[in-house]
Amino acid sequence: MGLSAARAMLGAGARLVVVGKDAGSCARAEKTLGTQTVVIQADATDPACARQAVATCREHWGSIHALYHVAGGSGRSQGDGPLHEL
């Protein structure tokens, strides 16, 4: 879902900073998304990750105009389940 959203945003003219947890997904993102994207390998559960992403965005693109957060989940091994149980 995140990579598809990134492609759509790039198609609309956005410049992106994307964060991936593992090296493989980061490498795929770099290859797929091209030069208007900066890819950071980091764990979104670490508060330092957000600071790094914001700093990287400002360094490369000057400012932030939008945020799209795709990471998350309930931690359940069999899916997230009904919303009222989360």
N, C-alpha and C. Protein backbone atom coordinates (compact mmCIF):
# COMPACT_ATOMS: atom_id res chain seq x y z
N MET A 1 0.81 -1.19 0.00
CA MET A 1 0.00 0.00 0.00
C MET A 1 0.86 1.26 0.00
N GLY A 2 1.92 1.26 0.77
CA GLY A 2 2.78 2.43 0.84
C GLY A 2 3.46 2.76 -0.47
N LEU A 3 3.98 1.73 -1.15
CA LEU A 3 4.66 1.94 -2.42
C LEU A 3 3.68 2.43 -3.48
N SER A 4 2.48 1.88 -3.49
CA SER A 4 1.45 2.33 -4.43
C SER A 4 1.08 3.79 -4.19
N ALA A 5 0.94 4.16 -2.93
CA ALA A 5 0.64 5.55 -2.60
C ALA A 5 1.78 6.47 -3.02
N ALA A 6 3.01 6.03 -2.80
CA ALA A 6 4.17 6.83 -3.20
C ALA A 6 4.18 7.04 -4.71
N ARG A 7 3.89 6.00 -5.47
CA ARG A 7 3.83 6.14 -6.94
C ARG A 7 2.76 7.15 -7.35
N ALA A 8 1.60 7.07 -6.71
CA ALA A 8 0.52 8.01 -7.04
C ALA A 8 0.92 9.44 -6.72
N MET A 9 1.57 9.65 -5.59
CA MET A 9 1.99 10.99 -5.22
C MET A 9 3.05 11.52 -6.18
N LEU A 10 3.98 10.66 -6.57
CA LEU A 10 4.98 11.07 -7.55
C LEU A 10 4.32 11.44 -8.87
N GLY A 11 3.31 10.68 -9.26
CA GLY A 11 2.58 10.98 -10.49
C GLY A 11 1.90 12.33 -10.45
N ALA A 12 1.59 12.80 -9.26
CA ALA A 12 0.96 14.11 -9.08
C ALA A 12 1.99 15.22 -8.88
N GLY A 13 3.28 14.87 -8.99
CA GLY A 13 4.33 15.88 -8.91
C GLY A 13 5.00 16.04 -7.56
N ALA A 14 4.71 15.16 -6.62
CA ALA A 14 5.31 15.28 -5.29
C ALA A 14 6.78 14.86 -5.29
N ARG A 15 7.49 15.35 -4.31
CA ARG A 15 8.83 14.87 -3.97
C ARG A 15 8.70 14.23 -2.60
N LEU A 16 9.33 13.08 -2.39
CA LEU A 16 9.04 12.28 -1.21
C LEU A 16 10.26 11.92 -0.39
N VAL A 17 10.01 11.70 0.90
CA VAL A 17 10.91 10.99 1.79
C VAL A 17 10.11 9.80 2.28
N VAL A 18 10.60 8.59 2.01
CA VAL A 18 9.91 7.39 2.46
C VAL A 18 10.81 6.63 3.42
N VAL A 19 10.18 5.96 4.37
CA VAL A 19 10.89 5.20 5.40
C VAL A 19 10.51 3.74 5.29
N GLY A 20 11.52 2.88 5.27
CA GLY A 20 11.30 1.44 5.26
C GLY A 20 12.07 0.78 6.39
N LYS A 21 11.52 -0.31 6.89
CA LYS A 21 12.14 -0.96 8.05
C LYS A 21 13.32 -1.85 7.67
N ASP A 22 13.26 -2.48 6.49
CA ASP A 22 14.34 -3.42 6.15
C ASP A 22 15.03 -3.00 4.86
N ALA A 23 16.26 -3.46 4.71
CA ALA A 23 17.09 -3.06 3.58
C ALA A 23 16.48 -3.45 2.24
N GLY A 24 15.84 -4.61 2.19
CA GLY A 24 15.24 -5.07 0.94
C GLY A 24 14.14 -4.16 0.45
N SER A 25 13.24 -3.78 1.35
CA SER A 25 12.15 -2.90 0.94
C SER A 25 12.67 -1.51 0.57
N CYS A 26 13.70 -1.06 1.25
CA CYS A 26 14.30 0.24 0.91
C CYS A 26 14.95 0.20 -0.47
N ALA A 27 15.65 -0.87 -0.77
CA ALA A 27 16.29 -1.01 -2.08
C ALA A 27 15.24 -1.04 -3.19
N ARG A 28 14.15 -1.77 -2.98
CA ARG A 28 13.07 -1.81 -3.97
C ARG A 28 12.45 -0.43 -4.16
N ALA A 29 12.25 0.28 -3.07
CA ALA A 29 11.67 1.62 -3.16
C ALA A 29 12.59 2.56 -3.93
N GLU A 30 13.88 2.52 -3.63
CA GLU A 30 14.83 3.38 -4.35
C GLU A 30 14.81 3.08 -5.84
N LYS A 31 14.80 1.81 -6.19
CA LYS A 31 14.81 1.40 -7.60
C LYS A 31 13.52 1.80 -8.30
N THR A 32 12.41 1.63 -7.62
CA THR A 32 11.10 1.87 -8.21
C THR A 32 10.73 3.34 -8.29
N LEU A 33 11.07 4.11 -7.27
CA LEU A 33 10.53 5.46 -7.15
C LEU A 33 11.38 6.55 -7.80
N GLY A 34 12.66 6.33 -7.96
CA GLY A 34 13.48 7.27 -8.71
C GLY A 34 14.00 8.47 -7.94
N THR A 35 14.39 9.50 -8.69
CA THR A 35 15.18 10.60 -8.15
C THR A 35 14.39 11.63 -7.34
N GLN A 36 13.08 11.61 -7.41
CA GLN A 36 12.29 12.56 -6.63
C GLN A 36 11.93 12.00 -5.25
N THR A 37 12.64 10.93 -4.87
CA THR A 37 12.38 10.26 -3.60
C THR A 37 13.68 10.01 -2.86
N VAL A 38 13.69 10.29 -1.57
CA VAL A 38 14.80 9.93 -0.69
C VAL A 38 14.28 8.81 0.21
N VAL A 39 15.02 7.71 0.28
CA VAL A 39 14.60 6.55 1.07
C VAL A 39 15.48 6.45 2.31
N ILE A 40 14.85 6.27 3.46
CA ILE A 40 15.54 6.11 4.74
C ILE A 40 15.20 4.74 5.29
N GLN A 41 16.22 4.00 5.72
CA GLN A 41 15.96 2.74 6.42
C GLN A 41 15.93 3.04 7.91
N ALA A 42 14.76 2.83 8.53
CA ALA A 42 14.59 3.10 9.96
C ALA A 42 13.35 2.38 10.46
N ASP A 43 13.23 2.27 11.76
CA ASP A 43 12.09 1.64 12.41
C ASP A 43 11.13 2.73 12.89
N ALA A 44 9.94 2.77 12.33
CA ALA A 44 8.97 3.83 12.66
C ALA A 44 8.51 3.79 14.11
N THR A 45 8.80 2.71 14.84
CA THR A 45 8.45 2.68 16.26
C THR A 45 9.48 3.41 17.12
N ASP A 46 10.59 3.80 16.52
CA ASP A 46 11.64 4.55 17.22
C ASP A 46 11.37 6.05 17.02
N PRO A 47 11.18 6.82 18.08
CA PRO A 47 10.91 8.25 17.94
C PRO A 47 11.97 9.00 17.13
N ALA A 48 13.19 8.53 17.13
CA ALA A 48 14.25 9.18 16.36
C ALA A 48 13.97 9.10 14.86
N CYS A 49 13.21 8.11 14.45
CA CYS A 49 12.88 7.94 13.03
C CYS A 49 12.13 9.16 12.50
N ALA A 50 11.16 9.64 13.24
CA ALA A 50 10.39 10.81 12.80
C ALA A 50 11.28 12.04 12.69
N ARG A 51 12.15 12.23 13.66
CA ARG A 51 13.07 13.37 13.60
C ARG A 51 13.98 13.27 12.38
N GLN A 52 14.47 12.06 12.09
CA GLN A 52 15.33 11.85 10.94
C GLN A 52 14.57 12.12 9.64
N ALA A 53 13.34 11.65 9.55
CA ALA A 53 12.56 11.86 8.32
C ALA A 53 12.27 13.34 8.09
N VAL A 54 11.92 14.06 9.14
CA VAL A 54 11.66 15.50 9.01
C VAL A 54 12.93 16.24 8.60
N ALA A 55 14.04 15.93 9.24
CA ALA A 55 15.31 16.58 8.91
C ALA A 55 15.71 16.29 7.46
N THR A 56 15.53 15.06 7.04
CA THR A 56 15.87 14.67 5.67
C THR A 56 15.00 15.41 4.67
N CYS A 57 13.71 15.50 4.96
CA CYS A 57 12.80 16.22 4.07
C CYS A 57 13.21 17.69 3.94
N ARG A 58 13.48 18.32 5.05
CA ARG A 58 13.89 19.73 5.01
C ARG A 58 15.21 19.91 4.27
N GLU A 59 16.14 18.98 4.49
CA GLU A 59 17.44 19.07 3.83
C GLU A 59 17.31 18.94 2.31
N HIS A 60 16.51 18.00 1.86
CA HIS A 60 16.41 17.72 0.43
C HIS A 60 15.37 18.58 -0.29
N TRP A 61 14.24 18.85 0.35
CA TRP A 61 13.13 19.49 -0.34
C TRP A 61 12.75 20.85 0.25
N GLY A 62 13.36 21.25 1.36
CA GLY A 62 13.12 22.57 1.91
C GLY A 62 12.00 22.68 2.94
N SER A 63 10.93 21.96 2.74
CA SER A 63 9.80 22.03 3.68
C SER A 63 8.92 20.80 3.53
N ILE A 64 7.94 20.69 4.40
CA ILE A 64 7.00 19.58 4.38
C ILE A 64 5.61 20.14 4.08
N HIS A 65 4.93 19.56 3.11
CA HIS A 65 3.58 20.01 2.75
C HIS A 65 2.51 18.99 3.11
N ALA A 66 2.91 17.74 3.33
CA ALA A 66 1.94 16.70 3.67
C ALA A 66 2.65 15.53 4.32
N LEU A 67 1.88 14.73 5.06
CA LEU A 67 2.40 13.53 5.69
C LEU A 67 1.42 12.39 5.43
N TYR A 68 1.95 11.25 5.00
CA TYR A 68 1.13 10.06 4.77
C TYR A 68 1.80 8.93 5.53
N HIS A 69 1.15 8.44 6.57
CA HIS A 69 1.73 7.42 7.45
C HIS A 69 1.04 6.09 7.20
N VAL A 70 1.82 5.06 6.83
CA VAL A 70 1.25 3.77 6.48
C VAL A 70 1.65 2.67 7.45
N ALA A 71 2.61 2.90 8.30
CA ALA A 71 3.08 1.86 9.22
C ALA A 71 2.05 1.63 10.32
N GLY A 72 2.03 0.42 10.83
CA GLY A 72 1.17 0.17 11.98
C GLY A 72 0.55 -1.21 11.97
N GLY A 73 -0.25 -1.46 12.95
CA GLY A 73 -0.92 -2.74 13.11
C GLY A 73 -1.13 -3.01 14.58
N SER A 74 -1.95 -3.97 14.86
CA SER A 74 -2.29 -4.25 16.26
C SER A 74 -1.30 -5.16 16.95
N GLY A 75 -0.45 -5.83 16.17
CA GLY A 75 0.48 -6.79 16.75
C GLY A 75 -0.10 -8.18 16.85
N ARG A 76 -1.34 -8.36 16.45
CA ARG A 76 -1.96 -9.68 16.47
C ARG A 76 -1.36 -10.54 15.36
N SER A 77 -1.19 -11.80 15.62
CA SER A 77 -0.59 -12.68 14.61
C SER A 77 -1.59 -13.12 13.55
N GLN A 78 -2.87 -12.98 13.78
CA GLN A 78 -3.88 -13.44 12.82
C GLN A 78 -4.70 -12.29 12.25
N GLY A 79 -4.11 -11.16 12.05
CA GLY A 79 -4.83 -10.02 11.49
C GLY A 79 -5.24 -9.04 12.57
N ASP A 80 -5.70 -7.90 12.14
CA ASP A 80 -6.04 -6.84 13.08
C ASP A 80 -7.37 -7.05 13.78
N GLY A 81 -8.31 -7.70 13.16
CA GLY A 81 -9.59 -7.94 13.80
C GLY A 81 -10.51 -6.74 13.75
N PRO A 82 -11.68 -6.84 14.39
CA PRO A 82 -12.65 -5.75 14.39
C PRO A 82 -12.11 -4.50 15.07
N LEU A 83 -12.46 -3.35 14.53
CA LEU A 83 -11.95 -2.09 15.08
C LEU A 83 -12.30 -1.91 16.55
N HIS A 84 -13.48 -2.33 16.96
CA HIS A 84 -13.88 -2.11 18.36
C HIS A 84 -13.08 -2.96 19.34
N GLU A 85 -12.31 -3.93 18.84
CA GLU A 85 -11.49 -4.77 19.70
C GLU A 85 -10.03 -4.35 19.73
N LEU A 86 -9.65 -3.37 18.94
CA LEU A 86 -8.25 -2.95 18.88
C LEU A 86 -7.86 -2.13 20.08
